[in-house]
N, C-alpha and C. Protein backbone atom coordinates (compact mmCIF):
# COMPACT_ATOMS: atom_id res chain seq x y z
N MET A 1 0.83 -1.21 0.00
CA MET A 1 0.00 0.00 0.00
C MET A 1 0.86 1.26 0.00
N TYR A 2 1.92 1.26 0.83
CA TYR A 2 2.81 2.42 0.94
C TYR A 2 3.42 2.74 -0.42
N ASP A 3 4.03 1.72 -1.06
CA ASP A 3 4.67 1.93 -2.36
C ASP A 3 3.65 2.34 -3.42
N PHE A 4 2.48 1.70 -3.39
CA PHE A 4 1.44 2.00 -4.37
C PHE A 4 1.04 3.47 -4.29
N LEU A 5 0.83 3.97 -3.07
CA LEU A 5 0.40 5.36 -2.91
C LEU A 5 1.50 6.35 -3.30
N VAL A 6 2.75 5.99 -3.01
CA VAL A 6 3.85 6.87 -3.42
C VAL A 6 3.86 7.02 -4.94
N HIS A 7 3.71 5.89 -5.65
CA HIS A 7 3.74 5.93 -7.11
C HIS A 7 2.46 6.51 -7.71
N LEU A 8 1.45 6.67 -6.89
CA LEU A 8 0.22 7.32 -7.34
C LEU A 8 0.24 8.82 -7.02
N VAL A 9 0.59 9.15 -5.78
CA VAL A 9 0.51 10.53 -5.32
C VAL A 9 1.63 11.40 -5.87
N ASN A 10 2.85 10.89 -5.91
CA ASN A 10 3.97 11.72 -6.35
C ASN A 10 3.81 12.21 -7.79
N PRO A 11 3.49 11.34 -8.75
CA PRO A 11 3.27 11.84 -10.12
C PRO A 11 2.12 12.84 -10.20
N PHE A 12 1.08 12.61 -9.39
CA PHE A 12 -0.06 13.54 -9.38
C PHE A 12 0.38 14.93 -8.90
N LEU A 13 1.16 14.96 -7.81
CA LEU A 13 1.63 16.24 -7.31
C LEU A 13 2.56 16.93 -8.30
N ASN A 14 3.42 16.15 -8.96
CA ASN A 14 4.30 16.72 -9.98
C ASN A 14 3.51 17.28 -11.16
N LEU A 15 2.40 16.65 -11.46
CA LEU A 15 1.56 17.10 -12.57
C LEU A 15 0.90 18.43 -12.25
N ILE A 16 0.35 18.58 -11.04
CA ILE A 16 -0.41 19.78 -10.72
C ILE A 16 0.46 20.90 -10.14
N ASN A 17 1.65 20.54 -9.62
CA ASN A 17 2.45 21.54 -8.93
C ASN A 17 3.89 21.62 -9.42
N GLY A 18 4.27 20.72 -10.31
CA GLY A 18 5.65 20.68 -10.77
C GLY A 18 6.52 19.89 -9.80
N LYS A 19 7.75 19.66 -10.20
CA LYS A 19 8.67 18.88 -9.39
C LYS A 19 9.07 19.65 -8.14
N ALA A 20 9.10 18.97 -7.01
CA ALA A 20 9.44 19.62 -5.74
C ALA A 20 10.90 20.06 -5.73
N ILE A 21 11.17 21.16 -5.03
CA ILE A 21 12.53 21.63 -4.80
C ILE A 21 13.02 21.01 -3.49
N ILE A 22 14.03 20.17 -3.58
CA ILE A 22 14.54 19.45 -2.40
C ILE A 22 16.02 19.76 -2.24
N LYS A 23 16.40 20.29 -1.07
CA LYS A 23 17.80 20.63 -0.82
C LYS A 23 18.40 19.73 0.26
N ASN A 24 19.66 19.39 0.06
CA ASN A 24 20.48 18.68 1.06
C ASN A 24 20.04 17.25 1.31
N LYS A 25 19.44 16.60 0.32
CA LYS A 25 19.03 15.22 0.52
C LYS A 25 20.23 14.32 0.77
N ASP A 26 21.40 14.75 0.32
CA ASP A 26 22.62 13.97 0.53
C ASP A 26 23.03 13.92 2.00
N LYS A 27 22.41 14.76 2.83
CA LYS A 27 22.74 14.76 4.26
C LYS A 27 22.01 13.67 5.04
N LEU A 28 21.05 13.02 4.38
CA LEU A 28 20.31 11.96 5.07
C LEU A 28 21.24 10.79 5.36
N PRO A 29 21.29 10.34 6.61
CA PRO A 29 22.21 9.25 6.96
C PRO A 29 21.71 7.89 6.49
N LYS A 30 22.61 6.92 6.49
CA LYS A 30 22.22 5.55 6.19
C LYS A 30 21.56 4.95 7.43
N GLY A 31 20.76 3.93 7.21
CA GLY A 31 20.08 3.32 8.35
C GLY A 31 18.87 4.13 8.77
N ASN A 32 18.37 3.87 9.96
CA ASN A 32 17.19 4.57 10.45
C ASN A 32 17.54 5.90 11.10
N TYR A 33 16.58 6.80 11.10
CA TYR A 33 16.75 8.11 11.71
C TYR A 33 15.36 8.69 11.96
N ILE A 34 15.33 9.83 12.64
CA ILE A 34 14.07 10.52 12.92
C ILE A 34 14.09 11.88 12.23
N ILE A 35 13.15 12.09 11.33
CA ILE A 35 12.97 13.41 10.76
C ILE A 35 12.20 14.26 11.78
N VAL A 36 12.73 15.42 12.12
CA VAL A 36 12.03 16.37 12.99
C VAL A 36 11.80 17.64 12.18
N ALA A 37 10.59 18.17 12.28
CA ALA A 37 10.24 19.33 11.45
C ALA A 37 9.16 20.16 12.13
N PRO A 38 9.09 21.45 11.82
CA PRO A 38 7.96 22.25 12.28
C PRO A 38 6.68 21.73 11.64
N HIS A 39 5.60 21.67 12.41
CA HIS A 39 4.33 21.17 11.90
C HIS A 39 3.51 22.34 11.37
N ARG A 40 3.47 22.50 10.04
CA ARG A 40 2.85 23.67 9.44
C ARG A 40 1.58 23.36 8.66
N SER A 41 1.37 22.09 8.36
CA SER A 41 0.21 21.72 7.53
C SER A 41 -0.05 20.23 7.68
N TRP A 42 -1.29 19.82 7.40
CA TRP A 42 -1.59 18.38 7.40
C TRP A 42 -0.86 17.69 6.26
N LEU A 43 -0.34 18.47 5.31
CA LEU A 43 0.42 17.90 4.19
C LEU A 43 1.86 17.55 4.59
N ASP A 44 2.34 18.09 5.70
CA ASP A 44 3.75 17.90 6.09
C ASP A 44 4.24 16.46 5.99
N PRO A 45 3.59 15.52 6.69
CA PRO A 45 4.13 14.14 6.68
C PRO A 45 4.12 13.52 5.29
N VAL A 46 3.12 13.85 4.49
CA VAL A 46 3.04 13.30 3.12
C VAL A 46 4.18 13.83 2.27
N ILE A 47 4.37 15.15 2.28
CA ILE A 47 5.40 15.78 1.45
C ILE A 47 6.79 15.32 1.87
N LEU A 48 7.04 15.25 3.17
CA LEU A 48 8.36 14.83 3.65
C LEU A 48 8.64 13.37 3.30
N ALA A 49 7.63 12.51 3.48
CA ALA A 49 7.81 11.09 3.16
C ALA A 49 8.09 10.90 1.67
N LEU A 50 7.39 11.65 0.82
CA LEU A 50 7.62 11.56 -0.62
C LEU A 50 9.02 12.04 -0.99
N ALA A 51 9.48 13.09 -0.31
CA ALA A 51 10.80 13.65 -0.62
C ALA A 51 11.92 12.68 -0.29
N ILE A 52 11.70 11.79 0.68
CA ILE A 52 12.76 10.90 1.15
C ILE A 52 12.66 9.50 0.54
N TYR A 53 11.55 9.17 -0.07
CA TYR A 53 11.37 7.85 -0.67
C TYR A 53 12.56 7.54 -1.58
N PRO A 54 13.09 6.29 -1.60
CA PRO A 54 12.45 5.03 -1.19
C PRO A 54 12.60 4.65 0.29
N LYS A 55 13.27 5.48 1.09
CA LYS A 55 13.28 5.21 2.52
C LYS A 55 11.85 5.33 3.03
N LYS A 56 11.43 4.37 3.85
CA LYS A 56 10.05 4.35 4.33
C LYS A 56 9.97 4.77 5.79
N PHE A 57 8.80 5.29 6.15
CA PHE A 57 8.61 5.88 7.47
C PHE A 57 7.36 5.38 8.16
N SER A 58 7.40 5.47 9.48
CA SER A 58 6.19 5.31 10.29
C SER A 58 5.81 6.70 10.79
N PHE A 59 4.57 6.82 11.25
CA PHE A 59 4.05 8.13 11.64
C PHE A 59 3.24 8.01 12.93
N MET A 60 3.40 8.97 13.82
CA MET A 60 2.47 9.13 14.93
C MET A 60 1.25 9.88 14.42
N ALA A 61 0.07 9.49 14.87
CA ALA A 61 -1.15 10.21 14.52
C ALA A 61 -2.10 10.18 15.71
N LYS A 62 -2.86 11.24 15.89
CA LYS A 62 -3.76 11.27 17.05
C LYS A 62 -4.79 10.14 16.93
N GLU A 63 -5.09 9.53 18.05
CA GLU A 63 -5.89 8.32 18.06
C GLU A 63 -7.30 8.51 17.50
N GLU A 64 -7.79 9.74 17.51
CA GLU A 64 -9.13 10.00 16.98
C GLU A 64 -9.24 9.65 15.50
N LEU A 65 -8.14 9.71 14.78
CA LEU A 65 -8.16 9.41 13.35
C LEU A 65 -8.36 7.94 13.06
N PHE A 66 -8.19 7.08 14.07
CA PHE A 66 -8.25 5.63 13.87
C PHE A 66 -9.62 5.04 14.23
N LYS A 67 -10.60 5.88 14.53
CA LYS A 67 -11.88 5.38 15.05
C LYS A 67 -12.67 4.56 14.03
N GLY A 68 -12.69 5.00 12.78
CA GLY A 68 -13.43 4.26 11.77
C GLY A 68 -12.67 3.01 11.34
N ARG A 69 -13.40 1.96 10.96
CA ARG A 69 -12.75 0.70 10.57
C ARG A 69 -11.84 0.89 9.36
N PHE A 70 -12.36 1.60 8.34
CA PHE A 70 -11.54 1.81 7.14
C PHE A 70 -10.36 2.70 7.44
N ALA A 71 -10.58 3.79 8.19
CA ALA A 71 -9.49 4.71 8.52
C ALA A 71 -8.40 3.98 9.32
N ASN A 72 -8.82 3.14 10.25
CA ASN A 72 -7.87 2.37 11.05
C ASN A 72 -7.03 1.45 10.16
N TRP A 73 -7.69 0.75 9.25
CA TRP A 73 -6.98 -0.15 8.33
C TRP A 73 -6.03 0.62 7.42
N PHE A 74 -6.54 1.72 6.86
CA PHE A 74 -5.77 2.50 5.89
C PHE A 74 -4.54 3.12 6.55
N LEU A 75 -4.71 3.74 7.70
CA LEU A 75 -3.60 4.41 8.37
C LEU A 75 -2.52 3.41 8.79
N ARG A 76 -2.94 2.24 9.25
CA ARG A 76 -1.95 1.25 9.66
C ARG A 76 -1.19 0.69 8.46
N LYS A 77 -1.85 0.62 7.31
CA LYS A 77 -1.16 0.19 6.09
C LYS A 77 -0.09 1.20 5.68
N LEU A 78 -0.26 2.45 6.12
CA LEU A 78 0.72 3.49 5.83
C LEU A 78 1.75 3.63 6.96
N ASN A 79 1.78 2.64 7.84
CA ASN A 79 2.73 2.60 8.95
C ASN A 79 2.45 3.66 10.01
N ALA A 80 1.20 4.13 10.08
CA ALA A 80 0.83 5.07 11.14
C ALA A 80 0.39 4.30 12.37
N TYR A 81 0.55 4.91 13.53
CA TYR A 81 0.10 4.29 14.77
C TYR A 81 -0.50 5.37 15.67
N PRO A 82 -1.50 5.01 16.47
CA PRO A 82 -2.22 6.02 17.25
C PRO A 82 -1.49 6.42 18.52
N VAL A 83 -1.68 7.69 18.91
CA VAL A 83 -1.16 8.17 20.18
C VAL A 83 -2.17 9.14 20.78
N ASN A 84 -2.35 9.04 22.07
CA ASN A 84 -3.21 9.96 22.80
C ASN A 84 -2.38 11.20 23.11
N ARG A 85 -2.73 12.33 22.50
CA ARG A 85 -1.90 13.52 22.65
C ARG A 85 -2.12 14.24 23.98
N VAL A 86 -3.19 13.91 24.68
CA VAL A 86 -3.42 14.51 25.99
C VAL A 86 -2.69 13.71 27.06
N ASN A 87 -2.82 12.38 26.99
CA ASN A 87 -2.13 11.47 27.93
C ASN A 87 -1.37 10.42 27.12
N PRO A 88 -0.20 10.78 26.59
CA PRO A 88 0.51 9.89 25.67
C PRO A 88 0.83 8.51 26.22
N GLY A 89 1.28 8.42 27.46
CA GLY A 89 1.62 7.12 28.04
C GLY A 89 2.94 6.59 27.51
N PRO A 90 3.46 5.51 28.11
CA PRO A 90 4.75 4.94 27.72
C PRO A 90 4.80 4.46 26.27
N SER A 91 3.66 4.04 25.70
CA SER A 91 3.66 3.51 24.33
C SER A 91 4.06 4.56 23.30
N ALA A 92 3.85 5.84 23.61
CA ALA A 92 4.22 6.91 22.68
C ALA A 92 5.73 6.96 22.48
N ILE A 93 6.48 6.44 23.45
CA ILE A 93 7.93 6.34 23.33
C ILE A 93 8.33 4.94 22.88
N LYS A 94 7.72 3.93 23.50
CA LYS A 94 8.12 2.53 23.26
C LYS A 94 7.88 2.10 21.82
N LYS A 95 6.73 2.47 21.24
CA LYS A 95 6.39 2.03 19.88
C LYS A 95 7.42 2.51 18.85
N PRO A 96 7.70 3.81 18.76
CA PRO A 96 8.70 4.24 17.77
C PRO A 96 10.10 3.73 18.05
N VAL A 97 10.46 3.60 19.33
CA VAL A 97 11.79 3.08 19.65
C VAL A 97 11.94 1.66 19.12
N ASN A 98 10.93 0.81 19.35
CA ASN A 98 10.98 -0.57 18.86
C ASN A 98 11.03 -0.64 17.35
N GLN A 99 10.27 0.22 16.68
CA GLN A 99 10.29 0.22 15.21
C GLN A 99 11.64 0.66 14.68
N LEU A 100 12.22 1.67 15.29
CA LEU A 100 13.53 2.16 14.83
C LEU A 100 14.62 1.11 15.07
N ARG A 101 14.48 0.33 16.14
CA ARG A 101 15.48 -0.68 16.46
C ARG A 101 15.32 -1.96 15.65
N LYS A 102 14.06 -2.37 15.41
CA LYS A 102 13.80 -3.71 14.91
C LYS A 102 13.29 -3.79 13.47
N THR A 103 12.98 -2.65 12.84
CA THR A 103 12.48 -2.66 11.47
C THR A 103 13.34 -1.76 10.60
N GLN A 104 12.99 -1.66 9.34
CA GLN A 104 13.68 -0.77 8.41
C GLN A 104 12.96 0.57 8.29
N LEU A 105 12.01 0.81 9.18
CA LEU A 105 11.24 2.05 9.13
C LEU A 105 11.89 3.14 9.98
N SER A 106 12.12 4.29 9.38
CA SER A 106 12.46 5.48 10.15
C SER A 106 11.14 6.11 10.59
N THR A 107 11.20 7.28 11.21
CA THR A 107 9.94 7.90 11.63
C THR A 107 10.03 9.41 11.48
N ILE A 108 8.87 10.05 11.41
CA ILE A 108 8.77 11.50 11.32
C ILE A 108 8.04 11.99 12.57
N ILE A 109 8.65 12.95 13.26
CA ILE A 109 8.06 13.49 14.47
C ILE A 109 8.06 15.01 14.38
N PHE A 110 6.94 15.61 14.75
CA PHE A 110 6.85 17.07 14.80
C PHE A 110 6.99 17.47 16.27
N PRO A 111 8.14 18.04 16.65
CA PRO A 111 8.41 18.29 18.07
C PRO A 111 7.42 19.22 18.76
N THR A 112 6.70 20.06 18.00
CA THR A 112 5.68 20.91 18.63
C THR A 112 4.41 20.12 18.93
N GLY A 113 4.22 19.00 18.22
CA GLY A 113 3.05 18.16 18.43
C GLY A 113 1.79 18.69 17.80
N SER A 114 1.77 19.94 17.36
CA SER A 114 0.55 20.55 16.83
C SER A 114 0.91 21.68 15.88
N ARG A 115 0.01 21.95 14.94
CA ARG A 115 0.19 23.09 14.04
C ARG A 115 -0.08 24.42 14.74
N TYR A 116 -0.64 24.35 15.95
CA TYR A 116 -1.04 25.58 16.65
C TYR A 116 -0.06 25.95 17.76
N SER A 117 1.14 25.40 17.70
CA SER A 117 2.14 25.69 18.72
C SER A 117 3.52 25.75 18.09
N SER A 118 4.37 26.62 18.64
CA SER A 118 5.76 26.70 18.18
C SER A 118 6.72 26.20 19.25
N GLU A 119 6.17 25.71 20.37
CA GLU A 119 7.00 25.24 21.47
C GLU A 119 7.48 23.82 21.23
N LEU A 120 8.80 23.64 21.22
CA LEU A 120 9.37 22.32 21.00
C LEU A 120 9.27 21.48 22.27
N LYS A 121 9.04 20.19 22.09
CA LYS A 121 8.94 19.26 23.22
C LYS A 121 10.02 18.19 23.08
N GLY A 122 10.30 17.48 24.19
CA GLY A 122 11.47 16.61 24.23
C GLY A 122 11.26 15.17 23.82
N GLY A 123 10.06 14.78 23.37
CA GLY A 123 9.80 13.38 23.05
C GLY A 123 10.71 12.82 21.98
N ALA A 124 10.96 13.61 20.93
CA ALA A 124 11.83 13.13 19.84
C ALA A 124 13.24 12.87 20.34
N LEU A 125 13.71 13.70 21.26
CA LEU A 125 15.06 13.51 21.82
C LEU A 125 15.15 12.21 22.61
N MET A 126 14.15 11.94 23.40
CA MET A 126 14.14 10.71 24.18
C MET A 126 14.11 9.49 23.28
N ILE A 127 13.27 9.52 22.24
CA ILE A 127 13.17 8.40 21.31
C ILE A 127 14.49 8.18 20.59
N ALA A 128 15.12 9.27 20.14
CA ALA A 128 16.40 9.17 19.44
C ALA A 128 17.47 8.56 20.33
N LYS A 129 17.49 8.97 21.59
CA LYS A 129 18.49 8.45 22.52
C LYS A 129 18.28 6.96 22.77
N LEU A 130 17.05 6.56 23.06
CA LEU A 130 16.76 5.15 23.37
C LEU A 130 16.97 4.25 22.16
N ALA A 131 16.65 4.75 20.97
CA ALA A 131 16.79 3.94 19.76
C ALA A 131 18.19 4.04 19.17
N ASN A 132 18.99 4.98 19.69
CA ASN A 132 20.35 5.20 19.20
C ASN A 132 20.38 5.54 17.71
N VAL A 133 19.53 6.50 17.33
CA VAL A 133 19.48 6.98 15.95
C VAL A 133 19.57 8.51 15.96
N PRO A 134 20.03 9.11 14.86
CA PRO A 134 20.12 10.57 14.82
C PRO A 134 18.78 11.24 14.50
N LEU A 135 18.68 12.50 14.88
CA LEU A 135 17.59 13.36 14.45
C LEU A 135 18.05 14.10 13.20
N VAL A 136 17.17 14.23 12.22
CA VAL A 136 17.48 14.99 11.01
C VAL A 136 16.47 16.13 10.88
N PRO A 137 16.90 17.38 11.10
CA PRO A 137 15.98 18.50 10.96
C PRO A 137 15.54 18.67 9.50
N ALA A 138 14.29 19.09 9.33
CA ALA A 138 13.75 19.33 7.99
C ALA A 138 12.73 20.45 8.06
N VAL A 139 12.55 21.15 6.97
CA VAL A 139 11.47 22.15 6.89
C VAL A 139 10.75 21.99 5.56
N TYR A 140 9.46 22.31 5.59
CA TYR A 140 8.64 22.35 4.39
C TYR A 140 7.98 23.72 4.33
N GLN A 141 8.13 24.41 3.21
CA GLN A 141 7.64 25.78 3.10
C GLN A 141 6.35 25.91 2.28
N GLY A 142 5.64 24.82 2.11
CA GLY A 142 4.35 24.94 1.43
C GLY A 142 4.42 24.57 -0.03
N PRO A 143 3.24 24.60 -0.69
CA PRO A 143 1.91 25.06 -0.27
C PRO A 143 1.37 24.27 0.93
N PHE A 144 0.48 24.92 1.70
CA PHE A 144 0.00 24.34 2.94
C PHE A 144 -1.42 23.79 2.87
N SER A 145 -2.04 23.85 1.71
CA SER A 145 -3.38 23.27 1.55
C SER A 145 -3.45 22.58 0.20
N PHE A 146 -4.42 21.67 0.06
CA PHE A 146 -4.55 20.94 -1.21
C PHE A 146 -4.83 21.88 -2.36
N GLY A 147 -5.72 22.84 -2.13
CA GLY A 147 -6.06 23.79 -3.19
C GLY A 147 -4.86 24.60 -3.63
N ALA A 148 -3.98 24.95 -2.68
CA ALA A 148 -2.81 25.77 -3.01
C ALA A 148 -1.80 25.01 -3.87
N LEU A 149 -1.90 23.68 -3.89
CA LEU A 149 -1.00 22.89 -4.74
C LEU A 149 -1.21 23.19 -6.22
N PHE A 150 -2.39 23.70 -6.57
CA PHE A 150 -2.68 24.02 -7.96
C PHE A 150 -2.13 25.40 -8.35
N SER A 151 -1.53 26.10 -7.40
CA SER A 151 -0.93 27.39 -7.69
C SER A 151 0.48 27.18 -8.23
N ARG A 152 1.15 28.28 -8.53
CA ARG A 152 2.51 28.19 -9.06
C ARG A 152 3.56 28.10 -7.96
N LYS A 153 3.13 28.16 -6.71
CA LYS A 153 4.07 28.08 -5.61
C LYS A 153 4.57 26.64 -5.47
N LYS A 154 5.88 26.46 -5.59
CA LYS A 154 6.47 25.13 -5.57
C LYS A 154 6.57 24.56 -4.16
N ARG A 155 6.53 23.22 -4.08
CA ARG A 155 6.85 22.55 -2.83
C ARG A 155 8.34 22.67 -2.58
N LYS A 156 8.70 23.14 -1.39
CA LYS A 156 10.11 23.33 -1.04
C LYS A 156 10.42 22.59 0.26
N ILE A 157 11.44 21.74 0.19
CA ILE A 157 11.85 20.95 1.35
C ILE A 157 13.36 21.05 1.49
N ALA A 158 13.84 21.15 2.72
CA ALA A 158 15.29 21.15 2.95
C ALA A 158 15.60 20.29 4.19
N PHE A 159 16.73 19.60 4.13
CA PHE A 159 17.18 18.75 5.23
C PHE A 159 18.47 19.32 5.81
N GLY A 160 18.62 19.18 7.13
CA GLY A 160 19.80 19.70 7.80
C GLY A 160 20.77 18.61 8.22
N ASP A 161 21.83 19.02 8.87
CA ASP A 161 22.82 18.07 9.37
C ASP A 161 22.22 17.21 10.47
N PRO A 162 22.50 15.92 10.47
CA PRO A 162 22.00 15.04 11.54
C PRO A 162 22.47 15.51 12.91
N ILE A 163 21.61 15.32 13.90
CA ILE A 163 21.92 15.65 15.28
C ILE A 163 22.03 14.34 16.05
N TYR A 164 23.20 14.07 16.61
CA TYR A 164 23.42 12.82 17.33
C TYR A 164 23.33 13.07 18.83
N ILE A 165 22.55 12.23 19.51
CA ILE A 165 22.38 12.34 20.96
C ILE A 165 23.33 11.37 21.64
N ASP A 166 24.14 11.87 22.53
CA ASP A 166 25.05 11.01 23.30
C ASP A 166 24.23 10.14 24.23
N ARG A 167 24.32 8.83 24.08
CA ARG A 167 23.52 7.91 24.90
C ARG A 167 23.89 7.99 26.37
N LYS A 168 25.07 8.48 26.68
CA LYS A 168 25.48 8.60 28.08
C LYS A 168 25.03 9.92 28.70
N GLU A 169 24.51 10.81 27.86
CA GLU A 169 24.11 12.13 28.34
C GLU A 169 22.69 12.09 28.91
N ARG A 170 22.51 12.52 30.11
CA ARG A 170 21.19 12.53 30.72
C ARG A 170 20.37 13.69 30.16
N LEU A 171 19.11 13.42 29.84
CA LEU A 171 18.26 14.44 29.26
C LEU A 171 17.54 15.23 30.35
N HIS A 172 18.33 15.96 31.13
CA HIS A 172 17.73 16.83 32.13
C HIS A 172 17.32 18.15 31.46
N GLU A 173 16.81 19.05 32.23
CA GLU A 173 16.22 20.28 31.67
C GLU A 173 17.20 21.08 30.82
N GLU A 174 18.42 21.23 31.30
CA GLU A 174 19.41 22.01 30.56
C GLU A 174 19.80 21.33 29.26
N THR A 175 19.93 20.00 29.30
CA THR A 175 20.30 19.25 28.10
C THR A 175 19.19 19.33 27.05
N LEU A 176 17.94 19.15 27.50
CA LEU A 176 16.81 19.26 26.58
C LEU A 176 16.78 20.64 25.93
N ALA A 177 16.99 21.67 26.73
CA ALA A 177 16.98 23.04 26.20
C ALA A 177 18.08 23.23 25.16
N LYS A 178 19.24 22.60 25.41
CA LYS A 178 20.36 22.72 24.47
C LYS A 178 20.00 22.10 23.12
N TYR A 179 19.48 20.88 23.14
CA TYR A 179 19.15 20.21 21.89
C TYR A 179 17.95 20.87 21.19
N GLU A 180 17.00 21.36 21.97
CA GLU A 180 15.86 22.05 21.37
C GLU A 180 16.32 23.32 20.66
N GLN A 181 17.30 23.99 21.22
CA GLN A 181 17.84 25.19 20.56
C GLN A 181 18.59 24.82 19.29
N ILE A 182 19.31 23.69 19.33
CA ILE A 182 20.00 23.22 18.12
C ILE A 182 18.99 22.94 17.01
N MET A 183 17.88 22.28 17.37
CA MET A 183 16.84 22.00 16.38
C MET A 183 16.25 23.29 15.83
N GLN A 184 15.91 24.23 16.72
CA GLN A 184 15.30 25.47 16.26
C GLN A 184 16.25 26.27 15.39
N ASP A 185 17.52 26.31 15.74
CA ASP A 185 18.51 27.01 14.92
C ASP A 185 18.61 26.37 13.54
N SER A 186 18.52 25.04 13.49
CA SER A 186 18.59 24.35 12.21
C SER A 186 17.36 24.65 11.37
N PHE A 187 16.17 24.66 12.00
CA PHE A 187 14.96 25.02 11.26
C PHE A 187 15.08 26.42 10.65
N ASN A 188 15.59 27.35 11.46
CA ASN A 188 15.74 28.73 10.97
C ASN A 188 16.72 28.80 9.81
N GLU A 189 17.83 28.07 9.92
CA GLU A 189 18.83 28.07 8.86
C GLU A 189 18.28 27.46 7.57
N LEU A 190 17.53 26.36 7.70
CA LEU A 190 16.96 25.71 6.52
C LEU A 190 15.91 26.58 5.85
N ASP A 191 15.08 27.24 6.66
CA ASP A 191 14.10 28.17 6.08
C ASP A 191 14.82 29.27 5.30
N ASN A 192 15.91 29.76 5.86
CA ASN A 192 16.66 30.82 5.20
C ASN A 192 17.30 30.32 3.90
N GLN A 193 17.76 29.06 3.90
CA GLN A 193 18.33 28.49 2.68
C GLN A 193 17.30 28.42 1.56
N LEU A 194 16.11 28.01 1.90
CA LEU A 194 15.07 27.86 0.87
C LEU A 194 14.55 29.21 0.40
N ASP A 195 14.30 30.11 1.36
CA ASP A 195 13.76 31.43 1.04
C ASP A 195 13.98 32.36 2.22
N PRO A 196 14.94 33.28 2.13
CA PRO A 196 15.23 34.17 3.25
C PRO A 196 14.07 35.09 3.61
N HIS A 197 13.09 35.20 2.73
CA HIS A 197 11.93 36.06 3.00
C HIS A 197 10.72 35.26 3.49
N PHE A 198 10.92 33.96 3.70
CA PHE A 198 9.80 33.13 4.14
C PHE A 198 9.34 33.51 5.53
N HIS A 199 8.02 33.55 5.72
CA HIS A 199 7.44 33.79 7.03
C HIS A 199 6.21 32.91 7.17
N TYR A 200 6.16 32.20 8.28
CA TYR A 200 5.02 31.31 8.52
C TYR A 200 4.07 31.95 9.52
N ASP A 201 2.82 32.10 9.11
CA ASP A 201 1.79 32.61 9.99
C ASP A 201 1.06 31.43 10.63
N MET A 202 1.27 31.25 11.93
CA MET A 202 0.64 30.14 12.62
C MET A 202 -0.88 30.33 12.66
N PRO A 203 -1.66 29.31 12.27
CA PRO A 203 -3.12 29.43 12.32
C PRO A 203 -3.63 29.48 13.74
N LYS A 204 -4.78 30.11 13.90
CA LYS A 204 -5.42 30.13 15.21
C LYS A 204 -6.04 28.77 15.50
N LYS A 205 -5.89 28.33 16.74
CA LYS A 205 -6.44 27.05 17.13
C LYS A 205 -7.96 27.10 17.16
N PRO A 206 -8.65 26.19 16.45
CA PRO A 206 -10.10 26.19 16.48
C PRO A 206 -10.64 26.00 17.89
N ALA A 207 -11.80 26.63 18.13
CA ALA A 207 -12.38 26.57 19.48
C ALA A 207 -12.70 25.16 19.92
N ASP A 208 -13.04 24.27 18.94
CA ASP A 208 -13.43 22.90 19.28
C ASP A 208 -12.27 21.93 19.20
N ASP A 209 -11.06 22.43 18.98
CA ASP A 209 -9.88 21.55 18.92
C ASP A 209 -9.21 21.58 20.29
N HIS A 210 -9.25 20.47 20.99
CA HIS A 210 -8.68 20.39 22.33
C HIS A 210 -7.25 19.91 22.34
N PHE A 211 -6.65 19.86 21.16
CA PHE A 211 -5.30 19.33 21.07
C PHE A 211 -4.34 20.38 20.55
């Protein structure tokens, strides 16, 4: 299913929007890794996964998306797995760590956890440390909606230098702050590489969205 959709969706996007602009793909390491990126659109995971193919990925997704029988089947075929974003629990760490250790799947994590926040969180750092894999910063500059894909604005993606977490280093508050700043600095640098005039306007959180 994963390969089928890639070979279906990618040509379609190239047809309506042209070939994506991808920078620094040569920086992607061999083996498994974690892509970390600002969460700017529901298109983010799709665009990033297409940019990195044939490397395959798993995805965290809020558990509400898995409620329907078809949605549950479809999302799992795409290597997605549910997580409770209010009360994540140990499985939110254990599941991706096991996949990174025992399968050929890398994973994509948005450290803010939501499109309505710019605050980075430490879950990706913990997963990277336990799985002993690097974090790879990435940014996507749009288009941010399906309709906008029909415009002349190209899909732009850039990848940064891998960030390696010392397994002996304890992730206390100061250490987390250090790595979060490294990630944020990388996001800023990559945005500047793609377009120094780029500015992202964060959408307002809907009143009925509790996440």
